């Protein structure tokens, strides 16, 4: 079993918030496709990373999680590219970790 995590930014590069409907659509898509989703939306996580010039960049992000039996890497790659376009990002981070249900 795998835990898939998707990190989506709350704001575009001009610090304009994305419409709530965009996140609602992602939640609905994941629920329809995988039978459920967990969305951490009340307290956004903070992502920090260094750019090439050593400047620290910050994103406030929402975390979506689904559990799946197997990873279809081709499908997830296409979904990541679609999210990058929808959320105007150079890269959307999607992680898959093998987990064991206890």
PDB file of N, CA and C in Angstrom:
ATOM      1  N   UNK A   1       0.847  -1.169   0.000  1.00  0.00           N
ATOM      2  CA  UNK A   1       0.000   0.000   0.000  1.00  0.00           C
ATOM      3  C   UNK A   1       0.896   1.236   0.000  1.00  0.00           C
ATOM      4  N   UNK A   2       0.433   2.275  -0.662  1.00  0.00           N
ATOM      5  CA  UNK A   2       1.197   3.515  -0.778  1.00  0.00           C
ATOM      6  C   UNK A   2       0.387   4.692  -0.268  1.00  0.00           C
ATOM      7  N   UNK A   3       1.087   5.626   0.345  1.00  0.00           N
ATOM      8  CA  UNK A   3       0.524   6.910   0.726  1.00  0.00           C
ATOM      9  C   UNK A   3       1.045   7.929  -0.271  1.00  0.00           C
ATOM     10  N   UNK A   4       0.122   8.553  -1.000  1.00  0.00           N
ATOM     11  CA  UNK A   4       0.503   9.572  -1.975  1.00  0.00           C
ATOM     12  C   UNK A   4       0.151  10.931  -1.390  1.00  0.00           C
ATOM     13  N   UNK A   5       1.112  11.834  -1.393  1.00  0.00           N
ATOM     14  CA  UNK A   5       0.929  13.182  -0.867  1.00  0.00           C
ATOM     15  C   UNK A   5       1.135  14.191  -1.987  1.00  0.00           C
ATOM     16  N   UNK A   6       0.218  15.148  -2.052  1.00  0.00           N
ATOM     17  CA  UNK A   6       0.281  16.216  -3.058  1.00  0.00           C
ATOM     18  C   UNK A   6       0.330  17.539  -2.315  1.00  0.00           C
ATOM     19  N   UNK A   7       1.337  18.342  -2.614  1.00  0.00           N
ATOM     20  CA  UNK A   7       1.474  19.663  -1.998  1.00  0.00           C
ATOM     21  C   UNK A   7       1.096  20.722  -3.023  1.00  0.00           C
ATOM     22  N   UNK A   8       0.051  21.487  -2.707  1.00  0.00           N
ATOM     23  CA  UNK A   8      -0.410  22.543  -3.613  1.00  0.00           C
ATOM     24  C   UNK A   8      -0.321  23.899  -2.926  1.00  0.00           C
ATOM     25  N   UNK A   9       0.181  24.907  -3.643  1.00  0.00           N
ATOM     26  CA  UNK A   9       0.335  26.238  -3.048  1.00  0.00           C
ATOM     27  C   UNK A   9      -1.012  26.944  -2.898  1.00  0.00           C
ATOM     28  N   UNK A  10      -1.108  27.759  -1.861  1.00  0.00           N
ATOM     29  CA  UNK A  10      -2.315  28.565  -1.650  1.00  0.00           C
ATOM     30  C   UNK A  10      -2.346  29.796  -2.554  1.00  0.00           C
ATOM     31  N   UNK A  11      -1.151  30.275  -2.965  1.00  0.00           N
ATOM     32  CA  UNK A  11      -1.040  31.538  -3.698  1.00  0.00           C
ATOM     33  C   UNK A  11      -0.235  31.348  -4.977  1.00  0.00           C
ATOM     34  N   UNK A  12      -0.529  32.164  -5.976  1.00  0.00           N
ATOM     35  CA  UNK A  12       0.287  32.158  -7.179  1.00  0.00           C
ATOM     36  C   UNK A  12       1.558  32.966  -6.928  1.00  0.00           C
ATOM     37  N   UNK A  13       2.369  33.157  -7.948  1.00  0.00           N
ATOM     38  CA  UNK A  13       3.655  33.846  -7.780  1.00  0.00           C
ATOM     39  C   UNK A  13       3.514  35.337  -7.489  1.00  0.00           C
ATOM     40  N   UNK A  14       2.322  35.886  -7.687  1.00  0.00           N
ATOM     41  CA  UNK A  14       2.069  37.289  -7.353  1.00  0.00           C
ATOM     42  C   UNK A  14       1.353  37.410  -6.006  1.00  0.00           C
ATOM     43  N   UNK A  15       1.299  36.296  -5.263  1.00  0.00           N
ATOM     44  CA  UNK A  15       0.670  36.208  -3.950  1.00  0.00           C
ATOM     45  C   UNK A  15      -0.848  36.401  -3.976  1.00  0.00           C
ATOM     46  N   UNK A  16      -1.454  36.132  -5.133  1.00  0.00           N
ATOM     47  CA  UNK A  16      -2.918  36.134  -5.242  1.00  0.00           C
ATOM     48  C   UNK A  16      -3.409  34.742  -4.856  1.00  0.00           C
ATOM     49  N   UNK A  17      -4.351  34.657  -3.920  1.00  0.00           N
ATOM     50  CA  UNK A  17      -4.830  33.332  -3.521  1.00  0.00           C
ATOM     51  C   UNK A  17      -5.574  32.639  -4.651  1.00  0.00           C
ATOM     52  N   UNK A  18      -5.348  31.326  -4.758  1.00  0.00           N
ATOM     53  CA  UNK A  18      -6.121  30.545  -5.715  1.00  0.00           C
ATOM     54  C   UNK A  18      -7.549  30.413  -5.182  1.00  0.00           C
ATOM     55  N   UNK A  19      -8.530  30.378  -6.072  1.00  0.00           N
ATOM     56  CA  UNK A  19      -9.919  30.222  -5.620  1.00  0.00           C
ATOM     57  C   UNK A  19     -10.113  28.903  -4.867  1.00  0.00           C
ATOM     58  N   UNK A  20     -10.910  28.953  -3.836  1.00  0.00           N
ATOM     59  CA  UNK A  20     -11.213  27.752  -3.039  1.00  0.00           C
ATOM     60  C   UNK A  20     -11.735  26.621  -3.923  1.00  0.00           C
ATOM     61  N   UNK A  21     -12.458  26.987  -4.977  1.00  0.00           N
ATOM     62  CA  UNK A  21     -13.027  25.984  -5.880  1.00  0.00           C
ATOM     63  C   UNK A  21     -11.949  25.108  -6.506  1.00  0.00           C
ATOM     64  N   UNK A  22     -10.755  25.648  -6.733  1.00  0.00           N
ATOM     65  CA  UNK A  22      -9.668  24.839  -7.310  1.00  0.00           C
ATOM     66  C   UNK A  22      -9.294  23.691  -6.376  1.00  0.00           C
ATOM     67  N   UNK A  23      -9.227  23.959  -5.085  1.00  0.00           N
ATOM     68  CA  UNK A  23      -8.892  22.927  -4.112  1.00  0.00           C
ATOM     69  C   UNK A  23     -10.057  21.957  -3.939  1.00  0.00           C
ATOM     70  N   UNK A  24     -11.271  22.491  -3.984  1.00  0.00           N
ATOM     71  CA  UNK A  24     -12.455  21.630  -3.915  1.00  0.00           C
ATOM     72  C   UNK A  24     -12.482  20.655  -5.088  1.00  0.00           C
ATOM     73  N   UNK A  25     -12.082  21.132  -6.269  1.00  0.00           N
ATOM     74  CA  UNK A  25     -12.039  20.265  -7.455  1.00  0.00           C
ATOM     75  C   UNK A  25     -11.020  19.141  -7.291  1.00  0.00           C
ATOM     76  N   UNK A  26      -9.851  19.464  -6.754  1.00  0.00           N
ATOM     77  CA  UNK A  26      -8.828  18.440  -6.533  1.00  0.00           C
ATOM     78  C   UNK A  26      -9.351  17.411  -5.538  1.00  0.00           C
ATOM     79  N   UNK A  27      -9.960  17.883  -4.463  1.00  0.00           N
ATOM     80  CA  UNK A  27     -10.515  16.965  -3.453  1.00  0.00           C
ATOM     81  C   UNK A  27     -11.569  16.051  -4.071  1.00  0.00           C
ATOM     82  N   UNK A  28     -12.446  16.604  -4.890  1.00  0.00           N
ATOM     83  CA  UNK A  28     -13.497  15.809  -5.535  1.00  0.00           C
ATOM     84  C   UNK A  28     -12.894  14.797  -6.514  1.00  0.00           C
ATOM     85  N   UNK A  29     -11.899  15.219  -7.291  1.00  0.00           N
ATOM     86  CA  UNK A  29     -11.251  14.317  -8.245  1.00  0.00           C
ATOM     87  C   UNK A  29     -10.615  13.127  -7.533  1.00  0.00           C
ATOM     88  N   UNK A  30      -9.875  13.410  -6.470  1.00  0.00           N
ATOM     89  CA  UNK A  30      -9.178  12.341  -5.754  1.00  0.00           C
ATOM     90  C   UNK A  30     -10.167  11.407  -5.060  1.00  0.00           C
ATOM     91  N   UNK A  31     -11.236  11.963  -4.532  1.00  0.00           N
ATOM     92  CA  UNK A  31     -12.257  11.137  -3.896  1.00  0.00           C
ATOM     93  C   UNK A  31     -12.908  10.217  -4.912  1.00  0.00           C
ATOM     94  N   UNK A  32     -13.245  10.765  -6.071  1.00  0.00           N
ATOM     95  CA  UNK A  32     -13.876   9.968  -7.130  1.00  0.00           C
ATOM     96  C   UNK A  32     -12.945   8.857  -7.619  1.00  0.00           C
ATOM     97  N   UNK A  33     -11.675   9.182  -7.810  1.00  0.00           N
ATOM     98  CA  UNK A  33     -10.726   8.225  -8.367  1.00  0.00           C
ATOM     99  C   UNK A  33     -10.265   7.164  -7.372  1.00  0.00           C
ATOM    100  N   UNK A  34     -10.105   7.553  -6.102  1.00  0.00           N
ATOM    101  CA  UNK A  34      -9.477   6.656  -5.132  1.00  0.00           C
ATOM    102  C   UNK A  34     -10.375   6.305  -3.948  1.00  0.00           C
ATOM    103  N   UNK A  35     -11.605   6.786  -3.957  1.00  0.00           N
ATOM    104  CA  UNK A  35     -12.550   6.420  -2.916  1.00  0.00           C
ATOM    105  C   UNK A  35     -12.417   7.210  -1.631  1.00  0.00           C
ATOM    106  N   UNK A  36     -11.516   8.164  -1.594  1.00  0.00           N
ATOM    107  CA  UNK A  36     -11.353   8.991  -0.407  1.00  0.00           C
ATOM    108  C   UNK A  36     -10.097   9.828  -0.495  1.00  0.00           C
ATOM    109  N   UNK A  37     -10.042  10.855   0.325  1.00  0.00           N
ATOM    110  CA  UNK A  37      -8.888  11.754   0.366  1.00  0.00           C
ATOM    111  C   UNK A  37      -8.857  12.410   1.742  1.00  0.00           C
ATOM    112  N   UNK A  38      -7.675  12.718   2.206  1.00  0.00           N
ATOM    113  CA  UNK A  38      -7.511  13.548   3.395  1.00  0.00           C
ATOM    114  C   UNK A  38      -6.878  14.846   2.926  1.00  0.00           C
ATOM    115  N   UNK A  39      -7.509  15.954   3.290  1.00  0.00           N
ATOM    116  CA  UNK A  39      -6.988  17.272   2.899  1.00  0.00           C
ATOM    117  C   UNK A  39      -6.725  18.084   4.166  1.00  0.00           C
ATOM    118  N   UNK A  40      -5.501  18.531   4.315  1.00  0.00           N
ATOM    119  CA  UNK A  40      -5.122  19.372   5.446  1.00  0.00           C
ATOM    120  C   UNK A  40      -5.250  20.819   4.991  1.00  0.00           C
ATOM    121  N   UNK A  41      -6.405  21.429   5.283  1.00  0.00           N
ATOM    122  CA  UNK A  41      -6.705  22.749   4.720  1.00  0.00           C
ATOM    123  C   UNK A  41      -6.818  23.858   5.763  1.00  0.00           C
ATOM    124  N   UNK A  42      -6.967  23.536   7.018  1.00  0.00           N
ATOM    125  CA  UNK A  42      -7.177  24.577   8.034  1.00  0.00           C
ATOM    126  C   UNK A  42      -5.904  25.345   8.369  1.00  0.00           C
ATOM    127  N   UNK A  43      -4.824  24.645   8.545  1.00  0.00           N
ATOM    128  CA  UNK A  43      -3.552  25.292   8.863  1.00  0.00           C
ATOM    129  C   UNK A  43      -2.569  24.949   7.757  1.00  0.00           C
ATOM    130  N   UNK A  44      -2.369  25.854   6.839  1.00  0.00           N
ATOM    131  CA  UNK A  44      -1.466  25.501   5.743  1.00  0.00           C
ATOM    132  C   UNK A  44      -0.062  25.198   6.251  1.00  0.00           C
ATOM    133  N   UNK A  45       0.556  24.249   5.606  1.00  0.00           N
ATOM    134  CA  UNK A  45       1.953  23.947   5.880  1.00  0.00           C
ATOM    135  C   UNK A  45       2.807  25.020   5.215  1.00  0.00           C
ATOM    136  N   UNK A  46       4.012  25.172   5.697  1.00  0.00           N
ATOM    137  CA  UNK A  46       4.931  26.152   5.137  1.00  0.00           C
ATOM    138  C   UNK A  46       6.089  25.406   4.488  1.00  0.00           C
ATOM    139  N   UNK A  47       6.290  25.654   3.201  1.00  0.00           N
ATOM    140  CA  UNK A  47       7.414  25.066   2.484  1.00  0.00           C
ATOM    141  C   UNK A  47       8.482  26.113   2.251  1.00  0.00           C
ATOM    142  N   UNK A  48       9.720  25.778   2.571  1.00  0.00           N
ATOM    143  CA  UNK A  48      10.860  26.672   2.339  1.00  0.00           C
ATOM    144  C   UNK A  48      11.905  25.930   1.529  1.00  0.00           C
ATOM    145  N   UNK A  49      12.517  26.617   0.579  1.00  0.00           N
ATOM    146  CA  UNK A  49      13.614  26.024  -0.173  1.00  0.00           C
ATOM    147  C   UNK A  49      14.504  27.133  -0.708  1.00  0.00           C
ATOM    148  N   UNK A  50      15.760  26.750  -0.998  1.00  0.00           N
ATOM    149  CA  UNK A  50      16.716  27.707  -1.544  1.00  0.00           C
ATOM    150  C   UNK A  50      16.671  27.654  -3.053  1.00  0.00           C
ATOM    151  N   UNK A  51      16.616  28.827  -3.634  1.00  0.00           N
ATOM    152  CA  UNK A  51      16.725  28.963  -5.089  1.00  0.00           C
ATOM    153  C   UNK A  51      18.204  28.899  -5.445  1.00  0.00           C
ATOM    154  N   UNK A  52      18.510  28.903  -6.723  1.00  0.00           N
ATOM    155  CA  UNK A  52      19.893  28.836  -7.174  1.00  0.00           C
ATOM    156  C   UNK A  52      20.765  29.938  -6.614  1.00  0.00           C
ATOM    157  N   UNK A  53      20.200  31.119  -6.374  1.00  0.00           N
ATOM    158  CA  UNK A  53      20.973  32.252  -5.868  1.00  0.00           C
ATOM    159  C   UNK A  53      21.039  32.272  -4.338  1.00  0.00           C
ATOM    160  N   UNK A  54      20.646  31.147  -3.714  1.00  0.00           N
ATOM    161  CA  UNK A  54      20.664  31.001  -2.255  1.00  0.00           C
ATOM    162  C   UNK A  54      19.560  31.813  -1.556  1.00  0.00           C
ATOM    163  N   UNK A  55      18.666  32.426  -2.322  1.00  0.00           N
ATOM    164  CA  UNK A  55      17.525  33.128  -1.746  1.00  0.00           C
ATOM    165  C   UNK A  55      16.514  32.082  -1.284  1.00  0.00           C
ATOM    166  N   UNK A  56      15.959  32.268  -0.095  1.00  0.00           N
ATOM    167  CA  UNK A  56      14.981  31.329   0.431  1.00  0.00           C
ATOM    168  C   UNK A  56      13.596  31.727  -0.063  1.00  0.00           C
ATOM    169  N   UNK A  57      12.896  30.771  -0.634  1.00  0.00           N
ATOM    170  CA  UNK A  57      11.541  30.975  -1.139  1.00  0.00           C
ATOM    171  C   UNK A  57      10.577  30.253  -0.213  1.00  0.00           C
ATOM    172  N   UNK A  58       9.384  30.842  -0.032  1.00  0.00           N
ATOM    173  CA  UNK A  58       8.380  30.277   0.862  1.00  0.00           C
ATOM    174  C   UNK A  58       7.080  30.081   0.104  1.00  0.00           C
ATOM    175  N   UNK A  59       6.425  28.965   0.393  1.00  0.00           N
ATOM    176  CA  UNK A  59       5.077  28.696  -0.099  1.00  0.00           C
ATOM    177  C   UNK A  59       4.231  28.223   1.068  1.00  0.00           C
ATOM    178  N   UNK A  60       3.021  28.746   1.169  1.00  0.00           N
ATOM    179  CA  UNK A  60       2.017  28.167   2.051  1.00  0.00           C
ATOM    180  C   UNK A  60       1.290  27.138   1.215  1.00  0.00           C
ATOM    181  N   UNK A  61       1.202  25.912   1.725  1.00  0.00           N
ATOM    182  CA  UNK A  61       0.665  24.815   0.919  1.00  0.00           C
ATOM    183  C   UNK A  61      -0.440  24.063   1.648  1.00  0.00           C
ATOM    184  N   UNK A  62      -1.278  23.430   0.863  1.00  0.00           N
ATOM    185  CA  UNK A  62      -2.278  22.498   1.347  1.00  0.00           C
ATOM    186  C   UNK A  62      -1.789  21.103   0.976  1.00  0.00           C
ATOM    187  N   UNK A  63      -1.964  20.170   1.900  1.00  0.00           N
ATOM    188  CA  UNK A  63      -1.542  18.797   1.686  1.00  0.00           C
ATOM    189  C   UNK A  63      -2.769  17.915   1.459  1.00  0.00           C
ATOM    190  N   UNK A  64      -2.752  17.175   0.349  1.00  0.00           N
ATOM    191  CA  UNK A  64      -3.773  16.171   0.047  1.00  0.00           C
ATOM    192  C   UNK A  64      -3.105  14.804   0.139  1.00  0.00           C
ATOM    193  N   UNK A  65      -3.799  13.825   0.719  1.00  0.00           N
ATOM    194  CA  UNK A  65      -3.259  12.469   0.832  1.00  0.00           C
ATOM    195  C   UNK A  65      -4.297  11.452   0.383  1.00  0.00           C
ATOM    196  N   UNK A  66      -3.827  10.444  -0.333  1.00  0.00           N
ATOM    197  CA  UNK A  66      -4.652   9.284  -0.663  1.00  0.00           C
ATOM    198  C   UNK A  66      -3.820   8.031  -0.411  1.00  0.00           C
ATOM    199  N   UNK A  67      -4.506   6.930  -0.111  1.00  0.00           N
ATOM    200  CA  UNK A  67      -3.825   5.648  -0.025  1.00  0.00           C
ATOM    201  C   UNK A  67      -4.272   4.803  -1.207  1.00  0.00           C
ATOM    202  N   UNK A  68      -3.297   4.132  -1.809  1.00  0.00           N
ATOM    203  CA  UNK A  68      -3.562   3.334  -3.002  1.00  0.00           C
ATOM    204  C   UNK A  68      -2.793   2.022  -2.895  1.00  0.00           C
ATOM    205  N   UNK A  69      -3.252   1.029  -3.634  1.00  0.00           N
ATOM    206  CA  UNK A  69      -2.602  -0.288  -3.605  1.00  0.00           C
ATOM    207  C   UNK A  69      -1.333  -0.327  -4.447  1.00  0.00           C
ATOM    208  N   UNK A  70      -1.337   0.353  -5.583  1.00  0.00           N
ATOM    209  CA  UNK A  70      -0.152   0.371  -6.449  1.00  0.00           C
ATOM    210  C   UNK A  70      -0.057   1.743  -7.111  1.00  0.00           C
ATOM    211  N   UNK A  71       1.147   2.068  -7.541  1.00  0.00           N
ATOM    212  CA  UNK A  71       1.410   3.384  -8.130  1.00  0.00           C
ATOM    213  C   UNK A  71       1.487   3.261  -9.645  1.00  0.00           C
ATOM    214  N   UNK A  72       0.594   3.954 -10.322  1.00  0.00           N
ATOM    215  CA  UNK A  72       0.647   4.063 -11.785  1.00  0.00           C
ATOM    216  C   UNK A  72       1.429   5.332 -12.090  1.00  0.00           C
ATOM    217  N   UNK A  73       2.725   5.198 -12.265  1.00  0.00           N
ATOM    218  CA  UNK A  73       3.604   6.364 -12.414  1.00  0.00           C
ATOM    219  C   UNK A  73       3.246   7.234 -13.625  1.00  0.00           C
ATOM    220  N   UNK A  74       2.820   6.610 -14.688  1.00  0.00           N
ATOM    221  CA  UNK A  74       2.423   7.379 -15.870  1.00  0.00           C
ATOM    222  C   UNK A  74       1.219   8.265 -15.583  1.00  0.00           C
ATOM    223  N   UNK A  75       0.211   7.695 -14.908  1.00  0.00           N
ATOM    224  CA  UNK A  75      -0.982   8.478 -14.578  1.00  0.00           C
ATOM    225  C   UNK A  75      -0.634   9.618 -13.640  1.00  0.00           C
ATOM    226  N   UNK A  76       0.164   9.328 -12.604  1.00  0.00           N
ATOM    227  CA  UNK A  76       0.532  10.367 -11.636  1.00  0.00           C
ATOM    228  C   UNK A  76       1.371  11.462 -12.291  1.00  0.00           C
ATOM    229  N   UNK A  77       2.211  11.097 -13.238  1.00  0.00           N
ATOM    230  CA  UNK A  77       3.001  12.096 -13.956  1.00  0.00           C
ATOM    231  C   UNK A  77       2.091  13.039 -14.746  1.00  0.00           C
ATOM    232  N   UNK A  78       1.093  12.475 -15.416  1.00  0.00           N
ATOM    233  CA  UNK A  78       0.148  13.309 -16.168  1.00  0.00           C
ATOM    234  C   UNK A  78      -0.679  14.188 -15.233  1.00  0.00           C
ATOM    235  N   UNK A  79      -1.099  13.641 -14.094  1.00  0.00           N
ATOM    236  CA  UNK A  79      -1.883  14.424 -13.143  1.00  0.00           C
ATOM    237  C   UNK A  79      -1.031  15.563 -12.574  1.00  0.00           C
ATOM    238  N   UNK A  80       0.246  15.277 -12.261  1.00  0.00           N
ATOM    239  CA  UNK A  80       1.148  16.316 -11.769  1.00  0.00           C
ATOM    240  C   UNK A  80       1.284  17.442 -12.796  1.00  0.00           C
ATOM    241  N   UNK A  81       1.458  17.096 -14.063  1.00  0.00           N
ATOM    242  CA  UNK A  81       1.575  18.116 -15.109  1.00  0.00           C
ATOM    243  C   UNK A  81       0.295  18.939 -15.219  1.00  0.00           C
ATOM    244  N   UNK A  82      -0.850  18.298 -15.094  1.00  0.00           N
ATOM    245  CA  UNK A  82      -2.123  19.022 -15.139  1.00  0.00           C
ATOM    246  C   UNK A  82      -2.240  19.977 -13.954  1.00  0.00           C
ATOM    247  N   UNK A  83      -1.821  19.537 -12.769  1.00  0.00           N
ATOM    248  CA  UNK A  83      -1.863  20.411 -11.596  1.00  0.00           C
ATOM    249  C   UNK A  83      -0.892  21.580 -11.743  1.00  0.00           C
ATOM    250  N   UNK A  84       0.269  21.325 -12.334  1.00  0.00           N
ATOM    251  CA  UNK A  84       1.234  22.408 -12.553  1.00  0.00           C
ATOM    252  C   UNK A  84       0.634  23.496 -13.434  1.00  0.00           C
ATOM    253  N   UNK A  85      -0.119  23.114 -14.445  1.00  0.00           N
ATOM    254  CA  UNK A  85      -0.774  24.098 -15.307  1.00  0.00           C
ATOM    255  C   UNK A  85      -1.892  24.815 -14.556  1.00  0.00           C
ATOM    256  N   UNK A  86      -2.738  24.060 -13.874  1.00  0.00           N
ATOM    257  CA  UNK A  86      -3.868  24.650 -13.157  1.00  0.00           C
ATOM    258  C   UNK A  86      -3.429  25.616 -12.067  1.00  0.00           C
ATOM    259  N   UNK A  87      -2.315  25.286 -11.394  1.00  0.00           N
ATOM    260  CA  UNK A  87      -1.847  26.115 -10.288  1.00  0.00           C
ATOM    261  C   UNK A  87      -0.625  26.962 -10.672  1.00  0.00           C
ATOM    262  N   UNK A  88      -0.346  27.035 -11.974  1.00  0.00           N
ATOM    263  CA  UNK A  88       0.689  27.928 -12.506  1.00  0.00           C
ATOM    264  C   UNK A  88       2.033  27.743 -11.792  1.00  0.00           C
ATOM    265  N   UNK A  89       2.471  26.478 -11.701  1.00  0.00           N
ATOM    266  CA  UNK A  89       3.700  26.158 -10.983  1.00  0.00           C
ATOM    267  C   UNK A  89       4.723  25.533 -11.915  1.00  0.00           C
ATOM    268  N   UNK A  90       5.994  25.804 -11.640  1.00  0.00           N
ATOM    269  CA  UNK A  90       7.061  25.111 -12.357  1.00  0.00           C
ATOM    270  C   UNK A  90       7.072  23.646 -11.963  1.00  0.00           C
ATOM    271  N   UNK A  91       6.750  23.382 -10.694  1.00  0.00           N
ATOM    272  CA  UNK A  91       6.744  22.004 -10.209  1.00  0.00           C
ATOM    273  C   UNK A  91       5.748  21.865  -9.065  1.00  0.00           C
ATOM    274  N   UNK A  92       4.928  20.834  -9.146  1.00  0.00           N
ATOM    275  CA  UNK A  92       4.069  20.423  -8.036  1.00  0.00           C
ATOM    276  C   UNK A  92       4.684  19.150  -7.479  1.00  0.00           C
ATOM    277  N   UNK A  93       4.843  19.122  -6.166  1.00  0.00           N
ATOM    278  CA  UNK A  93       5.472  17.972  -5.534  1.00  0.00           C
ATOM    279  C   UNK A  93       4.412  16.917  -5.196  1.00  0.00           C
ATOM    280  N   UNK A  94       4.613  15.725  -5.735  1.00  0.00           N
ATOM    281  CA  UNK A  94       3.788  14.566  -5.414  1.00  0.00           C
ATOM    282  C   UNK A  94       4.732  13.464  -4.961  1.00  0.00           C
ATOM    283  N   UNK A  95       4.481  12.946  -3.767  1.00  0.00           N
ATOM    284  CA  UNK A  95       5.333  11.924  -3.184  1.00  0.00           C
ATOM    285  C   UNK A  95       4.541  10.643  -2.962  1.00  0.00           C
ATOM    286  N   UNK A  96       5.169   9.505  -3.179  1.00  0.00           N
ATOM    287  CA  UNK A  96       4.555   8.208  -2.886  1.00  0.00           C
ATOM    288  C   UNK A  96       5.487   7.454  -1.953  1.00  0.00           C
ATOM    289  N   UNK A  97       4.932   7.010  -0.833  1.00  0.00           N
ATOM    290  CA  UNK A  97       5.704   6.281   0.164  1.00  0.00           C
ATOM    291  C   UNK A  97       5.005   4.961   0.451  1.00  0.00           C
ATOM    292  N   UNK A  98       5.759   3.871   0.444  1.00  0.00           N
ATOM    293  CA  UNK A  98       5.178   2.590   0.779  1.00  0.00           C
ATOM    294  C   UNK A  98       4.869   2.577   2.277  1.00  0.00           C
ATOM    295  N   UNK A  99       3.647   2.174   2.627  1.00  0.00           N
ATOM    296  CA  UNK A  99       3.205   2.157   4.019  1.00  0.00           C
ATOM    297  C   UNK A  99       2.532   0.831   4.343  1.00  0.00           C
ATOM    298  N   UNK A 100       2.419   0.571   5.628  1.00  0.00           N
ATOM    299  CA  UNK A 100       1.732  -0.623   6.105  1.00  0.00           C
ATOM    300  C   UNK A 100       0.593  -0.178   7.012  1.00  0.00           C
ATOM    301  N   UNK A 101      -0.599  -0.661   6.734  1.00  0.00           N
ATOM    302  CA  UNK A 101      -1.752  -0.350   7.576  1.00  0.00           C
ATOM    303  C   UNK A 101      -1.655  -1.190   8.835  1.00  0.00           C
ATOM    304  N   UNK A 102      -1.767  -0.555   9.985  1.00  0.00           N
ATOM    305  CA  UNK A 102      -1.659  -1.267  11.267  1.00  0.00           C
ATOM    306  C   UNK A 102      -3.033  -1.511  11.876  1.00  0.00           C
TER     307      UNK A 102
END
